[in-house]
PDB file of all heavy atoms in Angstrom:
ATOM      1  N   ILE A   1     101.038  57.103 -10.670  1.00  0.00           N
ATOM      2  CA  ILE A   1     100.951  58.443 -10.110  1.00  0.00           C
ATOM      3  C   ILE A   1     100.035  58.531  -8.924  1.00  0.00           C
ATOM      4  O   ILE A   1     100.389  59.001  -7.880  1.00  0.00           O
ATOM      5  CB  ILE A   1     100.453  59.456 -11.152  1.00  0.00           C
ATOM      6  CG1 ILE A   1     101.536  59.511 -12.317  1.00  0.00           C
ATOM      7  CG2 ILE A   1     100.190  60.855 -10.610  1.00  0.00           C
ATOM      8  CD1 ILE A   1     101.033  60.340 -13.517  1.00  0.00           C
ATOM      9  N   GLY A   2      98.935  57.824  -9.031  1.00  0.00           N
ATOM     10  CA  GLY A   2      97.884  57.800  -8.020  1.00  0.00           C
ATOM     11  C   GLY A   2      98.401  57.117  -6.681  1.00  0.00           C
ATOM     12  O   GLY A   2      98.216  57.666  -5.516  1.00  0.00           O
ATOM     13  N   GLN A   3      99.111  55.991  -6.950  1.00  0.00           N
ATOM     14  CA  GLN A   3      99.659  55.277  -5.734  1.00  0.00           C
ATOM     15  C   GLN A   3     100.633  56.027  -4.883  1.00  0.00           C
ATOM     16  O   GLN A   3     100.664  56.082  -3.760  1.00  0.00           O
ATOM     17  CB  GLN A   3     100.183  53.902  -6.175  1.00  0.00           C
ATOM     18  CG  GLN A   3     100.520  52.968  -4.986  1.00  0.00           C
ATOM     19  CD  GLN A   3      99.262  52.654  -4.191  1.00  0.00           C
ATOM     20  OE1 GLN A   3      98.358  52.040  -4.798  1.00  0.00           O
ATOM     21  NE2 GLN A   3      99.308  52.883  -2.850  1.00  0.00           N
ATOM     22  N   GLU A   4     101.479  56.796  -5.773  1.00  0.00           N
ATOM     23  CA  GLU A   4     102.566  57.614  -5.127  1.00  0.00           C
ATOM     24  C   GLU A   4     101.812  58.784  -4.334  1.00  0.00           C
ATOM     25  O   GLU A   4     102.269  59.044  -3.201  1.00  0.00           O
ATOM     26  CB  GLU A   4     103.376  58.208  -6.230  1.00  0.00           C
ATOM     27  CG  GLU A   4     104.470  59.105  -5.599  1.00  0.00           C
ATOM     28  CD  GLU A   4     105.362  59.604  -6.760  1.00  0.00           C
ATOM     29  OE1 GLU A   4     105.255  59.198  -7.890  1.00  0.00           O
ATOM     30  OE2 GLU A   4     106.182  60.556  -6.494  1.00  0.00           O
ATOM     31  N   ARG A   5     100.763  59.391  -4.844  1.00  0.00           N
ATOM     32  CA  ARG A   5     100.038  60.462  -4.144  1.00  0.00           C
ATOM     33  C   ARG A   5      99.362  59.970  -2.941  1.00  0.00           C
ATOM     34  O   ARG A   5      99.370  60.558  -1.747  1.00  0.00           O
ATOM     35  CB  ARG A   5      99.125  61.159  -5.064  1.00  0.00           C
ATOM     36  CG  ARG A   5      99.879  61.839  -6.127  1.00  0.00           C
ATOM     37  CD  ARG A   5      98.899  62.523  -7.212  1.00  0.00           C
ATOM     38  NE  ARG A   5      98.212  63.607  -6.474  1.00  0.00           N
ATOM     39  CZ  ARG A   5      97.350  64.506  -7.130  1.00  0.00           C
ATOM     40  NH1 ARG A   5      96.946  64.149  -8.345  1.00  0.00           N
ATOM     41  NH2 ARG A   5      96.766  65.522  -6.478  1.00  0.00           N
ATOM     42  N   VAL A   6      98.688  58.707  -3.003  1.00  0.00           N
ATOM     43  CA  VAL A   6      97.967  58.142  -1.920  1.00  0.00           C
ATOM     44  C   VAL A   6      98.953  57.849  -0.865  1.00  0.00           C
ATOM     45  O   VAL A   6      98.703  57.992   0.395  1.00  0.00           O
ATOM     46  CB  VAL A   6      97.132  57.006  -2.362  1.00  0.00           C
ATOM     47  CG1 VAL A   6      96.656  56.216  -1.164  1.00  0.00           C
ATOM     48  CG2 VAL A   6      96.008  57.473  -3.266  1.00  0.00           C
ATOM     49  N   ASP A   7     100.116  57.242  -1.142  1.00  0.00           N
ATOM     50  CA  ASP A   7     101.128  56.806  -0.173  1.00  0.00           C
ATOM     51  C   ASP A   7     101.534  58.100   0.581  1.00  0.00           C
ATOM     52  O   ASP A   7     101.787  58.111   1.760  1.00  0.00           O
ATOM     53  CB  ASP A   7     102.269  56.133  -0.944  1.00  0.00           C
ATOM     54  CG  ASP A   7     101.898  54.764  -1.320  1.00  0.00           C
ATOM     55  OD1 ASP A   7     100.891  54.212  -0.949  1.00  0.00           O
ATOM     56  OD2 ASP A   7     102.663  54.278  -2.183  1.00  0.00           O
ATOM     57  N   GLY A   8     101.694  59.202  -0.140  1.00  0.00           N
ATOM     58  CA  GLY A   8     102.121  60.459   0.419  1.00  0.00           C
ATOM     59  C   GLY A   8     101.078  60.986   1.383  1.00  0.00           C
ATOM     60  O   GLY A   8     101.443  61.347   2.522  1.00  0.00           O
ATOM     61  N   VAL A   9      99.920  60.985   1.078  1.00  0.00           N
ATOM     62  CA  VAL A   9      98.817  61.373   2.060  1.00  0.00           C
ATOM     63  C   VAL A   9      98.732  60.438   3.287  1.00  0.00           C
ATOM     64  O   VAL A   9      98.554  60.892   4.412  1.00  0.00           O
ATOM     65  CB  VAL A   9      97.444  61.470   1.353  1.00  0.00           C
ATOM     66  CG1 VAL A   9      96.323  61.748   2.339  1.00  0.00           C
ATOM     67  CG2 VAL A   9      97.517  62.532   0.249  1.00  0.00           C
ATOM     68  N   ASN A  10      98.935  59.121   2.969  1.00  0.00           N
ATOM     69  CA  ASN A  10      98.871  58.189   4.111  1.00  0.00           C
ATOM     70  C   ASN A  10      99.957  58.467   5.111  1.00  0.00           C
ATOM     71  O   ASN A  10      99.845  58.367   6.299  1.00  0.00           O
ATOM     72  CB  ASN A  10      98.919  56.840   3.492  1.00  0.00           C
ATOM     73  CG  ASN A  10      97.576  56.245   3.042  1.00  0.00           C
ATOM     74  OD1 ASN A  10      96.552  56.731   3.506  1.00  0.00           O
ATOM     75  ND2 ASN A  10      97.576  55.338   2.160  1.00  0.00           N
ATOM     76  N   ALA A  11     101.224  58.708   4.526  1.00  0.00           N
ATOM     77  CA  ALA A  11     102.299  58.957   5.329  1.00  0.00           C
ATOM     78  C   ALA A  11     102.145  60.239   6.190  1.00  0.00           C
ATOM     79  O   ALA A  11     102.413  60.283   7.352  1.00  0.00           O
ATOM     80  CB  ALA A  11     103.543  59.143   4.472  1.00  0.00           C
ATOM     81  N   ALA A  12     101.468  61.273   5.503  1.00  0.00           N
ATOM     82  CA  ALA A  12     101.210  62.505   6.308  1.00  0.00           C
ATOM     83  C   ALA A  12     100.193  62.227   7.450  1.00  0.00           C
ATOM     84  O   ALA A  12     100.359  62.816   8.502  1.00  0.00           O
ATOM     85  CB  ALA A  12     100.708  63.510   5.306  1.00  0.00           C
ATOM     86  N   ALA A  13      99.149  61.391   7.107  1.00  0.00           N
ATOM     87  CA  ALA A  13      98.186  61.137   8.119  1.00  0.00           C
ATOM     88  C   ALA A  13      98.746  60.301   9.299  1.00  0.00           C
ATOM     89  O   ALA A  13      98.557  60.603  10.495  1.00  0.00           O
ATOM     90  CB  ALA A  13      97.066  60.258   7.480  1.00  0.00           C
ATOM     91  N   ASP A  14      99.675  59.344   8.938  1.00  0.00           N
ATOM     92  CA  ASP A  14     100.226  58.639   9.996  1.00  0.00           C
ATOM     93  C   ASP A  14     101.207  59.442  10.879  1.00  0.00           C
ATOM     94  O   ASP A  14     101.249  59.311  12.045  1.00  0.00           O
ATOM     95  CB  ASP A  14     101.237  57.497   9.310  1.00  0.00           C
ATOM     96  CG  ASP A  14     100.248  56.437   8.627  1.00  0.00           C
ATOM     97  OD1 ASP A  14      99.116  56.238   9.068  1.00  0.00           O
ATOM     98  OD2 ASP A  14     100.851  55.671   7.836  1.00  0.00           O
ATOM     99  N   ALA A  15     101.773  60.422  10.227  1.00  0.00           N
ATOM    100  CA  ALA A  15     102.696  61.348  11.046  1.00  0.00           C
ATOM    101  C   ALA A  15     101.832  62.205  11.973  1.00  0.00           C
ATOM    102  O   ALA A  15     102.227  62.398  13.175  1.00  0.00           O
ATOM    103  CB  ALA A  15     103.472  62.265  10.050  1.00  0.00           C
ATOM    104  N   LEU A  16     100.619  62.650  11.578  1.00  0.00           N
ATOM    105  CA  LEU A  16      99.798  63.474  12.406  1.00  0.00           C
ATOM    106  C   LEU A  16      99.180  62.661  13.488  1.00  0.00           C
ATOM    107  O   LEU A  16      99.249  63.154  14.626  1.00  0.00           O
ATOM    108  CB  LEU A  16      98.554  63.954  11.528  1.00  0.00           C
ATOM    109  CG  LEU A  16      98.977  65.051  10.550  1.00  0.00           C
ATOM    110  CD1 LEU A  16      97.694  65.396   9.653  1.00  0.00           C
ATOM    111  CD2 LEU A  16      99.461  66.321  11.265  1.00  0.00           C
ATOM    112  N   ILE A  17      98.809  61.429  13.173  1.00  0.00           N
ATOM    113  CA  ILE A  17      98.347  60.526  14.288  1.00  0.00           C
ATOM    114  C   ILE A  17      99.436  60.232  15.312  1.00  0.00           C
ATOM    115  O   ILE A  17      99.231  60.281  16.538  1.00  0.00           O
ATOM    116  CB  ILE A  17      97.760  59.292  13.682  1.00  0.00           C
ATOM    117  CG1 ILE A  17      96.524  59.600  12.723  1.00  0.00           C
ATOM    118  CG2 ILE A  17      97.372  58.313  14.723  1.00  0.00           C
ATOM    119  CD1 ILE A  17      95.933  58.465  12.014  1.00  0.00           C
ATOM    120  N   ALA A  18     100.576  59.900  14.756  1.00  0.00           N
ATOM    121  CA  ALA A  18     101.737  59.526  15.673  1.00  0.00           C
ATOM    122  C   ALA A  18     102.070  60.769  16.482  1.00  0.00           C
ATOM    123  O   ALA A  18     102.580  60.543  17.628  1.00  0.00           O
ATOM    124  CB  ALA A  18     103.010  59.074  14.756  1.00  0.00           C
ATOM    125  N   GLY A  19     101.961  61.930  15.978  1.00  0.00           N
ATOM    126  CA  GLY A  19     102.365  63.160  16.703  1.00  0.00           C
ATOM    127  C   GLY A  19     101.327  63.603  17.743  1.00  0.00           C
ATOM    128  O   GLY A  19     101.491  64.618  18.338  1.00  0.00           O
ATOM    129  N   GLY A  20     100.231  62.892  17.761  1.00  0.00           N
ATOM    130  CA  GLY A  20      99.233  63.263  18.798  1.00  0.00           C
ATOM    131  C   GLY A  20      98.339  64.454  18.405  1.00  0.00           C
ATOM    132  O   GLY A  20      97.959  65.238  19.292  1.00  0.00           O
ATOM    133  N   HIS A  21      98.106  64.580  17.008  1.00  0.00           N
ATOM    134  CA  HIS A  21      97.285  65.678  16.662  1.00  0.00           C
ATOM    135  C   HIS A  21      95.812  65.646  17.255  1.00  0.00           C
ATOM    136  O   HIS A  21      95.344  64.541  17.474  1.00  0.00           O
ATOM    137  CB  HIS A  21      97.159  65.625  15.140  1.00  0.00           C
ATOM    138  CG  HIS A  21      96.620  66.919  14.423  1.00  0.00           C
ATOM    139  ND1 HIS A  21      95.145  67.153  14.514  1.00  0.00           N
ATOM    140  CD2 HIS A  21      97.153  67.895  13.953  1.00  0.00           C
ATOM    141  CE1 HIS A  21      94.928  68.257  13.826  1.00  0.00           C
ATOM    142  NE2 HIS A  21      96.249  68.857  13.568  1.00  0.00           N
ATOM    143  N   PRO A  22      95.385  66.780  17.734  1.00  0.00           N
ATOM    144  CA  PRO A  22      94.211  66.793  18.408  1.00  0.00           C
ATOM    145  C   PRO A  22      92.866  66.247  17.544  1.00  0.00           C
ATOM    146  O   PRO A  22      91.889  65.807  18.129  1.00  0.00           O
ATOM    147  CB  PRO A  22      93.907  68.219  18.744  1.00  0.00           C
ATOM    148  CG  PRO A  22      94.786  69.039  17.854  1.00  0.00           C
ATOM    149  CD  PRO A  22      95.945  68.239  17.558  1.00  0.00           C
ATOM    150  N   GLU A  23      93.075  66.249  16.196  1.00  0.00           N
ATOM    151  CA  GLU A  23      92.022  65.725  15.326  1.00  0.00           C
ATOM    152  C   GLU A  23      92.403  64.378  14.754  1.00  0.00           C
ATOM    153  O   GLU A  23      92.007  64.046  13.654  1.00  0.00           O
ATOM    154  CB  GLU A  23      91.761  66.696  14.089  1.00  0.00           C
ATOM    155  CG  GLU A  23      91.437  68.099  14.539  1.00  0.00           C
ATOM    156  CD  GLU A  23      89.992  68.145  15.153  1.00  0.00           C
ATOM    157  OE1 GLU A  23      89.237  67.126  14.786  1.00  0.00           O
ATOM    158  OE2 GLU A  23      89.617  69.090  15.878  1.00  0.00           O
ATOM    159  N   ASN A  24      93.058  63.546  15.644  1.00  0.00           N
ATOM    160  CA  ASN A  24      93.523  62.213  15.246  1.00  0.00           C
ATOM    161  C   ASN A  24      92.295  61.416  14.629  1.00  0.00           C
ATOM    162  O   ASN A  24      92.486  60.657  13.555  1.00  0.00           O
ATOM    163  CB  ASN A  24      93.994  61.457  16.391  1.00  0.00           C
ATOM    164  CG  ASN A  24      95.438  61.819  16.661  1.00  0.00           C
ATOM    165  OD1 ASN A  24      96.056  62.458  15.867  1.00  0.00           O
ATOM    166  ND2 ASN A  24      96.050  61.339  17.804  1.00  0.00           N
ATOM    167  N   ALA A  25      91.143  61.389  15.252  1.00  0.00           N
ATOM    168  CA  ALA A  25      89.986  60.552  14.851  1.00  0.00           C
ATOM    169  C   ALA A  25      89.575  61.038  13.509  1.00  0.00           C
ATOM    170  O   ALA A  25      89.301  60.253  12.591  1.00  0.00           O
ATOM    171  CB  ALA A  25      88.913  60.789  15.889  1.00  0.00           C
ATOM    172  N   ALA A  26      89.469  62.337  13.242  1.00  0.00           N
ATOM    173  CA  ALA A  26      89.042  62.827  11.901  1.00  0.00           C
ATOM    174  C   ALA A  26      90.084  62.508  10.798  1.00  0.00           C
ATOM    175  O   ALA A  26      89.783  62.130   9.727  1.00  0.00           O
ATOM    176  CB  ALA A  26      88.862  64.324  12.021  1.00  0.00           C
ATOM    177  N   VAL A  27      91.449  62.700  11.217  1.00  0.00           N
ATOM    178  CA  VAL A  27      92.527  62.286  10.333  1.00  0.00           C
ATOM    179  C   VAL A  27      92.384  60.835   9.884  1.00  0.00           C
ATOM    180  O   VAL A  27      92.571  60.497   8.588  1.00  0.00           O
ATOM    181  CB  VAL A  27      93.801  62.671  10.848  1.00  0.00           C
ATOM    182  CG1 VAL A  27      95.021  62.131  10.068  1.00  0.00           C
ATOM    183  CG2 VAL A  27      94.010  64.091  11.059  1.00  0.00           C
ATOM    184  N   ALA A  28      92.152  59.958  10.876  1.00  0.00           N
ATOM    185  CA  ALA A  28      92.014  58.565  10.539  1.00  0.00           C
ATOM    186  C   ALA A  28      90.863  58.225   9.802  1.00  0.00           C
ATOM    187  O   ALA A  28      90.962  57.497   8.848  1.00  0.00           O
ATOM    188  CB  ALA A  28      91.902  57.713  11.898  1.00  0.00           C
ATOM    189  N   GLU A  29      89.743  58.932   9.965  1.00  0.00           N
ATOM    190  CA  GLU A  29      88.500  58.735   9.121  1.00  0.00           C
ATOM    191  C   GLU A  29      88.926  59.178   7.617  1.00  0.00           C
ATOM    192  O   GLU A  29      88.493  58.559   6.634  1.00  0.00           O
ATOM    193  CB  GLU A  29      87.334  59.463   9.601  1.00  0.00           C
ATOM    194  CG  GLU A  29      86.816  58.875  10.827  1.00  0.00           C
ATOM    195  CD  GLU A  29      85.611  59.624  11.439  1.00  0.00           C
ATOM    196  OE1 GLU A  29      85.227  60.628  10.744  1.00  0.00           O
ATOM    197  OE2 GLU A  29      85.152  59.363  12.515  1.00  0.00           O
ATOM    198  N   TRP A  30      89.453  60.275   7.503  1.00  0.00           N
ATOM    199  CA  TRP A  30      89.762  60.795   6.269  1.00  0.00           C
ATOM    200  C   TRP A  30      90.799  59.861   5.411  1.00  0.00           C
ATOM    201  O   TRP A  30      90.597  59.575   4.237  1.00  0.00           O
ATOM    202  CB  TRP A  30      90.573  62.222   6.343  1.00  0.00           C
ATOM    203  CG  TRP A  30      89.358  63.352   6.396  1.00  0.00           C
ATOM    204  CD1 TRP A  30      89.012  63.996   7.437  1.00  0.00           C
ATOM    205  CD2 TRP A  30      88.549  63.762   5.241  1.00  0.00           C
ATOM    206  NE1 TRP A  30      88.040  64.867   7.112  1.00  0.00           N
ATOM    207  CE2 TRP A  30      87.765  64.792   5.773  1.00  0.00           C
ATOM    208  CE3 TRP A  30      88.567  63.472   3.926  1.00  0.00           C
ATOM    209  CZ2 TRP A  30      86.826  65.466   4.984  1.00  0.00           C
ATOM    210  CZ3 TRP A  30      87.627  64.238   3.162  1.00  0.00           C
ATOM    211  CH2 TRP A  30      86.687  65.202   3.705  1.00  0.00           C
ATOM    212  N   LYS A  31      91.701  59.242   6.258  1.00  0.00           N
ATOM    213  CA  LYS A  31      92.657  58.303   5.664  1.00  0.00           C
ATOM    214  C   LYS A  31      92.026  57.155   5.072  1.00  0.00           C
ATOM    215  O   LYS A  31      92.232  56.616   4.029  1.00  0.00           O
ATOM    216  CB  LYS A  31      93.821  57.956   6.777  1.00  0.00           C
ATOM    217  CG  LYS A  31      94.775  56.903   6.184  1.00  0.00           C
ATOM    218  CD  LYS A  31      95.615  56.515   7.381  1.00  0.00           C
ATOM    219  CE  LYS A  31      96.453  55.359   6.827  1.00  0.00           C
ATOM    220  NZ  LYS A  31      97.389  54.851   7.893  1.00  0.00           N
ATOM    221  N   ASP A  32      91.049  56.638   6.079  1.00  0.00           N
ATOM    222  CA  ASP A  32      90.313  55.273   5.604  1.00  0.00           C
ATOM    223  C   ASP A  32      89.467  55.656   4.356  1.00  0.00           C
ATOM    224  O   ASP A  32      89.250  54.783   3.406  1.00  0.00           O
ATOM    225  CB  ASP A  32      89.426  54.875   6.694  1.00  0.00           C
ATOM    226  CG  ASP A  32      90.281  54.340   7.905  1.00  0.00           C
ATOM    227  OD1 ASP A  32      91.424  54.001   7.751  1.00  0.00           O
ATOM    228  OD2 ASP A  32      89.726  54.189   8.965  1.00  0.00           O
ATOM    229  N   ALA A  33      88.839  56.872   4.327  1.00  0.00           N
ATOM    230  CA  ALA A  33      87.891  57.174   3.273  1.00  0.00           C
ATOM    231  C   ALA A  33      88.699  57.362   1.983  1.00  0.00           C
ATOM    232  O   ALA A  33      88.373  56.751   0.873  1.00  0.00           O
ATOM    233  CB  ALA A  33      87.146  58.465   3.592  1.00  0.00           C
ATOM    234  N   LEU A  34      89.879  57.909   2.027  1.00  0.00           N
ATOM    235  CA  LEU A  34      90.637  58.059   0.835  1.00  0.00           C
ATOM    236  C   LEU A  34      91.296  56.701   0.354  1.00  0.00           C
ATOM    237  O   LEU A  34      91.122  56.422  -0.881  1.00  0.00           O
ATOM    238  CB  LEU A  34      91.982  58.979   1.267  1.00  0.00           C
ATOM    239  CG  LEU A  34      93.069  59.148   0.215  1.00  0.00           C
ATOM    240  CD1 LEU A  34      92.543  59.894  -0.992  1.00  0.00           C
ATOM    241  CD2 LEU A  34      94.317  59.646   0.800  1.00  0.00           C
ATOM    242  N   ASN A  35      91.572  55.839   1.195  1.00  0.00           N
ATOM    243  CA  ASN A  35      92.097  54.546   0.838  1.00  0.00           C
ATOM    244  C   ASN A  35      90.951  53.597   0.138  1.00  0.00           C
ATOM    245  O   ASN A  35      91.155  52.983  -0.840  1.00  0.00           O
ATOM    246  CB  ASN A  35      92.743  53.692   1.941  1.00  0.00           C
ATOM    247  CG  ASN A  35      94.191  54.408   2.380  1.00  0.00           C
ATOM    248  OD1 ASN A  35      94.840  54.569   1.443  1.00  0.00           O
ATOM    249  ND2 ASN A  35      94.306  54.455   3.644  1.00  0.00           N
ATOM    250  N   GLU A  36      89.774  53.852   0.674  1.00  0.00           N
ATOM    251  CA  GLU A  36      88.649  53.131   0.142  1.00  0.00           C
ATOM    252  C   GLU A  36      88.332  53.669  -1.190  1.00  0.00           C
ATOM    253  O   GLU A  36      87.941  52.757  -2.122  1.00  0.00           O
ATOM    254  CB  GLU A  36      87.381  53.234   1.139  1.00  0.00           C
ATOM    255  CG  GLU A  36      86.256  52.404   0.651  1.00  0.00           C
ATOM    256  CD  GLU A  36      85.060  52.528   1.603  1.00  0.00           C
ATOM    257  OE1 GLU A  36      85.342  52.986   2.794  1.00  0.00           O
ATOM    258  OE2 GLU A  36      83.930  52.177   1.252  1.00  0.00           O
ATOM    259  N   ALA A  37      88.319  55.008  -1.411  1.00  0.00           N
ATOM    260  CA  ALA A  37      88.102  55.560  -2.614  1.00  0.00           C
ATOM    261  C   ALA A  37      89.150  55.148  -3.645  1.00  0.00           C
ATOM    262  O   ALA A  37      88.743  54.909  -4.991  1.00  0.00           O
ATOM    263  CB  ALA A  37      87.914  57.031  -2.586  1.00  0.00           C
ATOM    264  N   TRP A  38      90.347  55.124  -3.327  1.00  0.00           N
ATOM    265  CA  TRP A  38      91.378  54.659  -4.085  1.00  0.00           C
ATOM    266  C   TRP A  38      91.211  53.189  -4.660  1.00  0.00           C
ATOM    267  O   TRP A  38      91.487  52.832  -5.780  1.00  0.00           O
ATOM    268  CB  TRP A  38      92.829  54.855  -3.490  1.00  0.00           C
ATOM    269  CG  TRP A  38      94.015  54.412  -4.242  1.00  0.00           C
ATOM    270  CD1 TRP A  38      94.866  53.535  -3.891  1.00  0.00           C
ATOM    271  CD2 TRP A  38      94.344  54.849  -5.622  1.00  0.00           C
ATOM    272  NE1 TRP A  38      95.813  53.366  -4.922  1.00  0.00           N
ATOM    273  CE2 TRP A  38      95.557  54.142  -5.924  1.00  0.00           C
ATOM    274  CE3 TRP A  38      93.842  55.843  -6.496  1.00  0.00           C
ATOM    275  CZ2 TRP A  38      96.145  54.455  -7.134  1.00  0.00           C
ATOM    276  CZ3 TRP A  38      94.498  56.000  -7.670  1.00  0.00           C
ATOM    277  CH2 TRP A  38      95.667  55.250  -8.001  1.00  0.00           C
ATOM    278  N   ALA A  39      90.887  52.321  -3.670  1.00  0.00           N
ATOM    279  CA  ALA A  39      90.682  50.934  -3.969  1.00  0.00           C
ATOM    280  C   ALA A  39      89.566  50.792  -5.010  1.00  0.00           C
ATOM    281  O   ALA A  39      89.514  50.037  -5.930  1.00  0.00           O
ATOM    282  CB  ALA A  39      90.359  50.122  -2.682  1.00  0.00           C
ATOM    283  N   ASP A  40      88.540  51.555  -4.753  1.00  0.00           N
ATOM    284  CA  ASP A  40      87.309  51.541  -5.783  1.00  0.00           C
ATOM    285  C   ASP A  40      87.742  52.017  -7.047  1.00  0.00           C
ATOM    286  O   ASP A  40      87.273  51.371  -8.086  1.00  0.00           O
ATOM    287  CB  ASP A  40      86.174  52.453  -5.220  1.00  0.00           C
ATOM    288  CG  ASP A  40      85.521  51.894  -3.941  1.00  0.00           C
ATOM    289  OD1 ASP A  40      85.636  50.668  -3.638  1.00  0.00           O
ATOM    290  OD2 ASP A  40      84.841  52.634  -3.289  1.00  0.00           O
ATOM    291  N   LEU A  41      88.510  53.087  -7.185  1.00  0.00           N
ATOM    292  CA  LEU A  41      89.090  53.518  -8.517  1.00  0.00           C
ATOM    293  C   LEU A  41      89.824  52.511  -9.209  1.00  0.00           C
ATOM    294  O   LEU A  41      89.758  52.176 -10.405  1.00  0.00           O
ATOM    295  CB  LEU A  41      89.780  54.744  -8.302  1.00  0.00           C
ATOM    296  CG  LEU A  41      90.350  55.410  -9.661  1.00  0.00           C
ATOM    297  CD1 LEU A  41      89.231  55.619 -10.595  1.00  0.00           C
ATOM    298  CD2 LEU A  41      91.188  56.729  -9.235  1.00  0.00           C
ATOM    299  N   LEU A  42      90.742  51.825  -8.450  1.00  0.00           N
ATOM    300  CA  LEU A  42      91.621  50.693  -8.956  1.00  0.00           C
ATOM    301  C   LEU A  42      90.772  49.626  -9.489  1.00  0.00           C
ATOM    302  O   LEU A  42      91.030  49.035 -10.589  1.00  0.00           O
ATOM    303  CB  LEU A  42      92.567  50.176  -7.918  1.00  0.00           C
ATOM    304  CG  LEU A  42      93.806  51.165  -7.623  1.00  0.00           C
ATOM    305  CD1 LEU A  42      94.560  50.497  -6.465  1.00  0.00           C
ATOM    306  CD2 LEU A  42      94.666  51.467  -8.841  1.00  0.00           C
ATOM    307  N   GLU A  43      89.737  49.197  -8.819  1.00  0.00           N
ATOM    308  CA  GLU A  43      88.777  48.201  -9.225  1.00  0.00           C
ATOM    309  C   GLU A  43      88.027  48.503 -10.548  1.00  0.00           C
ATOM    310  O   GLU A  43      87.860  47.779 -11.344  1.00  0.00           O
ATOM    311  CB  GLU A  43      87.713  47.715  -8.027  1.00  0.00           C
ATOM    312  CG  GLU A  43      86.938  46.563  -8.440  1.00  0.00           C
ATOM    313  CD  GLU A  43      86.105  46.212  -7.280  1.00  0.00           C
ATOM    314  OE1 GLU A  43      86.142  46.996  -6.185  1.00  0.00           O
ATOM    315  OE2 GLU A  43      85.123  45.337  -7.447  1.00  0.00           O
ATOM    316  N   LEU A  44      87.764  49.812 -10.521  1.00  0.00           N
ATOM    317  CA  LEU A  44      86.902  50.330 -11.734  1.00  0.00           C
ATOM    318  C   LEU A  44      87.857  50.311 -12.915  1.00  0.00           C
ATOM    319  O   LEU A  44      87.425  49.823 -13.984  1.00  0.00           O
ATOM    320  CB  LEU A  44      86.454  51.750 -11.494  1.00  0.00           C
ATOM    321  CG  LEU A  44      85.709  52.422 -12.623  1.00  0.00           C
ATOM    322  CD1 LEU A  44      84.533  51.620 -13.063  1.00  0.00           C
ATOM    323  CD2 LEU A  44      85.498  53.920 -12.345  1.00  0.00           C
TER     324      LEU A  44
END
């Protein structure tokens, strides 16, 4: 379930970045933070 939700958020972030959203940098940071947290949870 978590991987499906993370993939969905990543896809939304990629779409925002690809669309030239004015907060591209913030979106990328949130995406990286989310993936890092997910990796930590999987490791736990």
